[in-house]
Amino acid sequence: MNPIEFSRKWIGVELKERSATQEHFLDLCRVLGHQTPAEMDRDGTTFTFERGAAKSIGGQGWADVWGIVAYRASSPCATPTATLGR
């Protein structure tokens, strides 16, 4: 997938976060030439979807994608937040 294909697919999408976040992230991996969580970490210990994570402002939260970067998107078209570390 290239950036134009990615944009065409996701512009105007109105799915709820839960319905689209994982597919959106997988498409980002394809655009960037990065392995997906299942390709990179078959047991989900270092790169996975849906994992609890410490918030950068303190306390606990939830990462839509967890690994070296914790990725949280409020919707597929919103700007995701990412924090380094685990």
N, C-alpha and C. Protein backbone atom coordinates (compact mmCIF):
# COMPACT_ATOMS: atom_id res chain seq x y z
N MET A 1 0.85 -1.17 0.00
CA MET A 1 0.00 0.00 0.00
C MET A 1 0.90 1.24 0.00
N ASN A 2 0.53 2.21 -0.80
CA ASN A 2 1.29 3.45 -0.82
C ASN A 2 0.47 4.56 -0.14
N PRO A 3 1.09 5.72 0.11
CA PRO A 3 0.38 6.79 0.82
C PRO A 3 -0.92 7.24 0.14
N ILE A 4 -0.95 7.27 -1.18
CA ILE A 4 -2.18 7.67 -1.88
C ILE A 4 -3.28 6.65 -1.66
N GLU A 5 -2.95 5.36 -1.76
CA GLU A 5 -3.95 4.32 -1.50
C GLU A 5 -4.45 4.38 -0.06
N PHE A 6 -3.54 4.63 0.86
CA PHE A 6 -3.91 4.76 2.27
C PHE A 6 -4.90 5.91 2.46
N SER A 7 -4.58 7.06 1.88
CA SER A 7 -5.46 8.23 2.00
C SER A 7 -6.82 7.97 1.39
N ARG A 8 -6.84 7.38 0.22
CA ARG A 8 -8.13 7.09 -0.44
C ARG A 8 -8.99 6.16 0.41
N LYS A 9 -8.34 5.21 1.04
CA LYS A 9 -9.08 4.26 1.86
C LYS A 9 -9.66 4.92 3.11
N TRP A 10 -8.89 5.78 3.75
CA TRP A 10 -9.28 6.27 5.07
C TRP A 10 -9.95 7.63 5.11
N ILE A 11 -9.83 8.44 4.07
CA ILE A 11 -10.53 9.73 4.06
C ILE A 11 -12.03 9.48 4.05
N GLY A 12 -12.70 10.11 4.99
CA GLY A 12 -14.16 10.00 5.05
C GLY A 12 -14.69 8.80 5.80
N VAL A 13 -13.80 7.94 6.31
CA VAL A 13 -14.25 6.78 7.07
C VAL A 13 -14.91 7.27 8.37
N GLU A 14 -16.06 6.71 8.67
CA GLU A 14 -16.79 7.13 9.87
C GLU A 14 -17.01 5.98 10.85
N LEU A 15 -16.20 4.94 10.74
CA LEU A 15 -16.31 3.83 11.67
C LEU A 15 -15.95 4.28 13.08
N LYS A 16 -16.48 3.61 14.04
CA LYS A 16 -16.11 3.88 15.43
C LYS A 16 -14.69 3.37 15.65
N GLU A 17 -14.04 3.94 16.66
CA GLU A 17 -12.64 3.59 16.95
C GLU A 17 -12.43 2.08 17.02
N ARG A 18 -13.25 1.41 17.81
CA ARG A 18 -13.09 -0.03 18.02
C ARG A 18 -13.18 -0.81 16.71
N SER A 19 -13.96 -0.31 15.78
CA SER A 19 -14.18 -1.00 14.51
C SER A 19 -13.05 -0.83 13.52
N ALA A 20 -12.22 0.20 13.69
CA ALA A 20 -11.25 0.51 12.65
C ALA A 20 -9.79 0.61 13.08
N THR A 21 -9.51 0.75 14.36
CA THR A 21 -8.15 1.07 14.80
C THR A 21 -7.12 0.03 14.36
N GLN A 22 -7.40 -1.26 14.54
CA GLN A 22 -6.40 -2.27 14.19
C GLN A 22 -6.14 -2.30 12.69
N GLU A 23 -7.19 -2.23 11.89
CA GLU A 23 -6.98 -2.22 10.44
C GLU A 23 -6.21 -0.97 10.01
N HIS A 24 -6.53 0.16 10.61
CA HIS A 24 -5.84 1.42 10.31
C HIS A 24 -4.34 1.28 10.63
N PHE A 25 -4.02 0.69 11.79
CA PHE A 25 -2.62 0.52 12.16
C PHE A 25 -1.92 -0.46 11.22
N LEU A 26 -2.57 -1.55 10.85
CA LEU A 26 -1.98 -2.50 9.91
C LEU A 26 -1.68 -1.83 8.57
N ASP A 27 -2.60 -0.97 8.12
CA ASP A 27 -2.35 -0.24 6.88
C ASP A 27 -1.17 0.72 7.03
N LEU A 28 -1.04 1.37 8.19
CA LEU A 28 0.13 2.22 8.44
C LEU A 28 1.41 1.40 8.33
N CYS A 29 1.41 0.20 8.90
CA CYS A 29 2.58 -0.67 8.80
C CYS A 29 2.90 -0.95 7.33
N ARG A 30 1.88 -1.23 6.53
CA ARG A 30 2.10 -1.52 5.11
C ARG A 30 2.70 -0.31 4.39
N VAL A 31 2.16 0.88 4.65
CA VAL A 31 2.66 2.09 4.01
C VAL A 31 4.12 2.33 4.37
N LEU A 32 4.46 2.10 5.64
CA LEU A 32 5.82 2.36 6.13
C LEU A 32 6.79 1.21 5.91
N GLY A 33 6.29 0.08 5.40
CA GLY A 33 7.15 -1.07 5.18
C GLY A 33 7.60 -1.73 6.47
N HIS A 34 6.78 -1.63 7.51
CA HIS A 34 7.11 -2.20 8.82
C HIS A 34 6.32 -3.48 9.04
N GLN A 35 6.90 -4.42 9.74
CA GLN A 35 6.18 -5.64 10.06
C GLN A 35 4.98 -5.32 10.96
N THR A 36 3.92 -6.11 10.80
CA THR A 36 2.75 -5.97 11.66
C THR A 36 3.04 -6.65 13.00
N PRO A 37 2.21 -6.41 14.02
CA PRO A 37 2.46 -7.07 15.30
C PRO A 37 2.56 -8.60 15.19
N ALA A 38 1.68 -9.23 14.45
CA ALA A 38 1.73 -10.69 14.34
C ALA A 38 2.95 -11.18 13.56
N GLU A 39 3.40 -10.40 12.59
CA GLU A 39 4.60 -10.78 11.83
C GLU A 39 5.86 -10.64 12.67
N MET A 40 5.88 -9.63 13.54
CA MET A 40 7.09 -9.32 14.30
C MET A 40 7.16 -10.05 15.63
N ASP A 41 6.01 -10.31 16.25
CA ASP A 41 5.99 -10.87 17.60
C ASP A 41 4.84 -11.86 17.72
N ARG A 42 5.12 -13.10 17.44
CA ARG A 42 4.07 -14.12 17.35
C ARG A 42 3.41 -14.46 18.69
N ASP A 43 4.03 -14.12 19.82
CA ASP A 43 3.38 -14.41 21.10
C ASP A 43 2.86 -13.16 21.81
N GLY A 44 3.04 -11.98 21.22
CA GLY A 44 2.46 -10.76 21.75
C GLY A 44 3.11 -10.19 22.99
N THR A 45 4.37 -10.51 23.22
CA THR A 45 5.03 -10.00 24.43
C THR A 45 5.71 -8.65 24.21
N THR A 46 6.09 -8.32 22.96
CA THR A 46 6.80 -7.07 22.72
C THR A 46 6.13 -6.13 21.73
N PHE A 47 5.16 -6.62 20.96
CA PHE A 47 4.48 -5.79 19.96
C PHE A 47 3.11 -6.40 19.74
N THR A 48 2.07 -5.73 20.25
CA THR A 48 0.75 -6.35 20.23
C THR A 48 -0.36 -5.30 20.26
N PHE A 49 -1.56 -5.72 19.97
CA PHE A 49 -2.74 -4.88 20.09
C PHE A 49 -3.32 -5.00 21.49
N GLU A 50 -4.01 -3.95 21.94
CA GLU A 50 -4.81 -3.97 23.16
C GLU A 50 -4.03 -4.42 24.40
N ARG A 51 -3.27 -3.50 24.95
CA ARG A 51 -2.50 -3.84 26.15
C ARG A 51 -2.48 -2.65 27.11
N GLY A 52 -2.56 -2.94 28.38
CA GLY A 52 -2.46 -1.90 29.40
C GLY A 52 -1.08 -1.27 29.36
N ALA A 53 -1.03 0.03 29.64
CA ALA A 53 0.25 0.75 29.59
C ALA A 53 0.23 1.91 30.57
N ALA A 54 1.41 2.28 31.04
CA ALA A 54 1.55 3.44 31.92
C ALA A 54 1.39 4.71 31.08
N LYS A 55 0.65 5.67 31.61
CA LYS A 55 0.47 6.95 30.93
C LYS A 55 1.68 7.84 31.18
N SER A 56 2.03 8.67 30.20
CA SER A 56 3.16 9.57 30.36
C SER A 56 2.89 10.63 31.43
N ILE A 57 1.61 10.88 31.74
CA ILE A 57 1.26 11.85 32.79
C ILE A 57 0.98 11.17 34.12
N GLY A 58 1.27 9.88 34.21
CA GLY A 58 1.06 9.11 35.43
C GLY A 58 -0.21 8.29 35.37
N GLY A 59 -0.23 7.21 36.10
CA GLY A 59 -1.39 6.33 36.12
C GLY A 59 -1.35 5.29 35.02
N GLN A 60 -2.40 4.53 34.94
CA GLN A 60 -2.50 3.46 33.95
C GLN A 60 -3.51 3.83 32.88
N GLY A 61 -3.29 3.31 31.69
CA GLY A 61 -4.19 3.53 30.57
C GLY A 61 -4.20 2.33 29.66
N TRP A 62 -4.62 2.54 28.46
CA TRP A 62 -4.76 1.44 27.50
C TRP A 62 -4.12 1.85 26.19
N ALA A 63 -3.29 0.99 25.62
CA ALA A 63 -2.68 1.24 24.32
C ALA A 63 -3.38 0.40 23.27
N ASP A 64 -3.80 1.03 22.18
CA ASP A 64 -4.40 0.27 21.08
C ASP A 64 -3.35 -0.66 20.47
N VAL A 65 -2.11 -0.17 20.38
CA VAL A 65 -0.98 -0.98 19.93
C VAL A 65 0.14 -0.73 20.93
N TRP A 66 0.75 -1.80 21.41
CA TRP A 66 1.78 -1.69 22.44
C TRP A 66 3.07 -2.31 21.94
N GLY A 67 4.18 -1.64 22.22
CA GLY A 67 5.50 -2.14 21.87
C GLY A 67 6.51 -1.09 22.29
N ILE A 68 7.50 -0.83 21.46
CA ILE A 68 8.46 0.21 21.75
C ILE A 68 7.74 1.56 21.78
N VAL A 69 6.72 1.67 20.97
CA VAL A 69 5.85 2.85 20.97
C VAL A 69 4.45 2.40 21.33
N ALA A 70 3.82 3.08 22.27
CA ALA A 70 2.42 2.80 22.59
C ALA A 70 1.58 3.75 21.77
N TYR A 71 0.67 3.21 20.99
CA TYR A 71 -0.12 3.98 20.02
C TYR A 71 -1.57 4.00 20.47
N ARG A 72 -2.13 5.19 20.53
CA ARG A 72 -3.53 5.34 20.94
C ARG A 72 -4.20 6.32 20.00
N ALA A 73 -5.21 5.90 19.29
CA ALA A 73 -5.95 6.78 18.39
C ALA A 73 -7.39 6.89 18.87
N SER A 74 -7.90 8.10 18.89
CA SER A 74 -9.29 8.27 19.31
C SER A 74 -10.25 7.93 18.17
N SER A 75 -9.76 7.97 16.94
CA SER A 75 -10.50 7.50 15.78
C SER A 75 -9.48 7.32 14.67
N PRO A 76 -9.80 6.54 13.64
CA PRO A 76 -8.80 6.30 12.59
C PRO A 76 -8.36 7.56 11.86
N CYS A 77 -9.18 8.59 11.86
CA CYS A 77 -8.82 9.82 11.15
C CYS A 77 -8.22 10.87 12.06
N ALA A 78 -8.20 10.61 13.36
CA ALA A 78 -7.61 11.55 14.30
C ALA A 78 -6.10 11.37 14.34
N THR A 79 -5.42 12.35 14.86
CA THR A 79 -3.98 12.24 15.03
C THR A 79 -3.72 11.31 16.22
N PRO A 80 -3.03 10.20 15.99
CA PRO A 80 -2.77 9.28 17.13
C PRO A 80 -1.74 9.87 18.07
N THR A 81 -1.79 9.41 19.29
CA THR A 81 -0.75 9.78 20.25
C THR A 81 0.18 8.59 20.40
N ALA A 82 1.43 8.86 20.56
CA ALA A 82 2.41 7.79 20.73
C ALA A 82 3.37 8.18 21.83
N THR A 83 3.72 7.21 22.65
CA THR A 83 4.71 7.46 23.69
C THR A 83 5.78 6.39 23.61
N LEU A 84 7.00 6.81 23.76
CA LEU A 84 8.10 5.85 23.73
C LEU A 84 8.20 5.15 25.05
N GLY A 85 8.68 3.93 25.01
CA GLY A 85 8.88 3.16 26.23
C GLY A 85 7.74 2.23 26.52
N ARG A 86 7.86 1.50 27.60
CA ARG A 86 6.85 0.51 27.96
C ARG A 86 6.36 0.77 29.33
